[in-house]
Amino acid sequence: VQLPCNSGSAPIYRNGDKLALGSLAVPEMACEPDRMAAEARVLAVLTRGMTMELTPPDQLRLLGEAGTPDLVRQER
């Protein structure tokens, strides 16, 4: 996952439309306070159980109690 300040990785577990991450490994490099706050909000969503919803053309919406981010696939 590419966060506003850091990046990390975790195993992903899927059960139907439910999505959960295993242990998330993210280094803790300091950034500007606004980017760190945004990162904390994203991590709050990712570290709790989520429901997935595909939205055309290539987005994935994660519905969770901590928020609802829209993810967009990017080619590397």
Protein backbone atom coordinates (compact mmCIF):
# COMPACT_ATOMS: atom_id res chain seq x y z
CA VAL A 1 0.00 0.00 0.00
CA GLN A 2 1.25 3.49 -0.87
CA LEU A 3 0.30 5.83 1.95
CA PRO A 4 0.53 9.64 2.01
CA CYS A 5 3.91 9.43 3.73
CA ASN A 6 5.12 5.81 3.85
CA SER A 7 4.45 2.55 2.06
CA GLY A 8 3.95 -0.93 3.41
CA SER A 9 2.70 -4.41 2.75
CA ALA A 10 0.43 -7.03 4.27
CA PRO A 11 -1.22 -10.29 3.29
CA ILE A 12 -4.81 -9.82 2.11
CA TYR A 13 -7.65 -12.17 3.07
CA ARG A 14 -10.94 -12.23 1.18
CA ASN A 15 -14.20 -13.90 2.17
CA GLY A 16 -16.92 -13.02 -0.35
CA ASP A 17 -17.14 -9.24 -0.36
CA LYS A 18 -15.27 -8.96 2.96
CA LEU A 19 -11.62 -7.95 2.93
CA ALA A 20 -9.13 -8.04 5.78
CA LEU A 21 -5.41 -7.38 6.01
CA GLY A 22 -2.99 -9.47 7.99
CA SER A 23 -0.14 -7.88 9.90
CA LEU A 24 0.62 -4.59 8.14
CA ALA A 25 4.32 -3.74 7.92
CA VAL A 26 4.86 0.01 7.52
CA PRO A 27 8.04 1.89 8.39
CA GLU A 28 7.49 5.00 10.48
CA MET A 29 9.23 7.82 8.65
CA ALA A 30 8.19 11.28 9.77
CA CYS A 31 6.50 13.64 7.32
CA GLU A 32 4.60 16.90 7.53
CA PRO A 33 1.79 16.81 10.15
CA ASP A 34 -1.02 16.97 7.56
CA ARG A 35 0.40 13.99 5.63
CA MET A 36 0.88 12.03 8.86
CA ALA A 37 -2.74 12.73 9.83
CA ALA A 38 -3.96 11.57 6.41
CA GLU A 39 -1.86 8.43 6.75
CA ALA A 40 -3.36 7.70 10.17
CA ARG A 41 -6.87 7.96 8.67
CA VAL A 42 -5.99 5.54 5.86
CA LEU A 43 -4.40 3.07 8.29
CA ALA A 44 -7.50 3.23 10.50
CA VAL A 45 -9.60 2.04 7.54
CA LEU A 46 -7.13 -0.62 6.38
CA THR A 47 -6.56 -2.22 9.76
CA ARG A 48 -10.25 -2.89 10.41
CA GLY A 49 -12.55 -5.23 8.51
CA MET A 50 -13.88 -3.83 5.25
CA THR A 51 -16.45 -4.61 2.61
CA MET A 52 -15.36 -4.32 -1.03
CA GLU A 53 -17.36 -2.75 -3.82
CA LEU A 54 -16.13 -2.57 -7.42
CA THR A 55 -16.84 0.72 -9.14
CA PRO A 56 -16.21 1.07 -12.89
CA PRO A 57 -13.96 1.39 -14.68
CA ASP A 58 -11.08 0.33 -12.41
CA GLN A 59 -11.78 1.40 -8.85
CA LEU A 60 -12.28 -0.48 -5.62
CA ARG A 61 -14.27 1.13 -2.83
CA LEU A 62 -13.55 -0.06 0.70
CA LEU A 63 -16.52 0.38 3.01
CA GLY A 64 -15.56 0.36 6.66
CA GLU A 65 -16.50 1.85 10.00
CA ALA A 66 -13.46 4.18 9.90
CA GLY A 67 -14.18 5.54 6.40
CA THR A 68 -14.78 4.72 2.75
CA PRO A 69 -11.74 5.26 0.52
CA ASP A 70 -11.80 4.72 -3.24
CA LEU A 71 -8.73 2.94 -4.56
CA VAL A 72 -7.60 3.28 -8.18
CA ARG A 73 -5.42 0.70 -9.89
CA GLN A 74 -2.17 2.12 -11.20
CA GLU A 75 0.15 0.37 -13.60
CA ARG A 76 3.76 0.19 -12.54
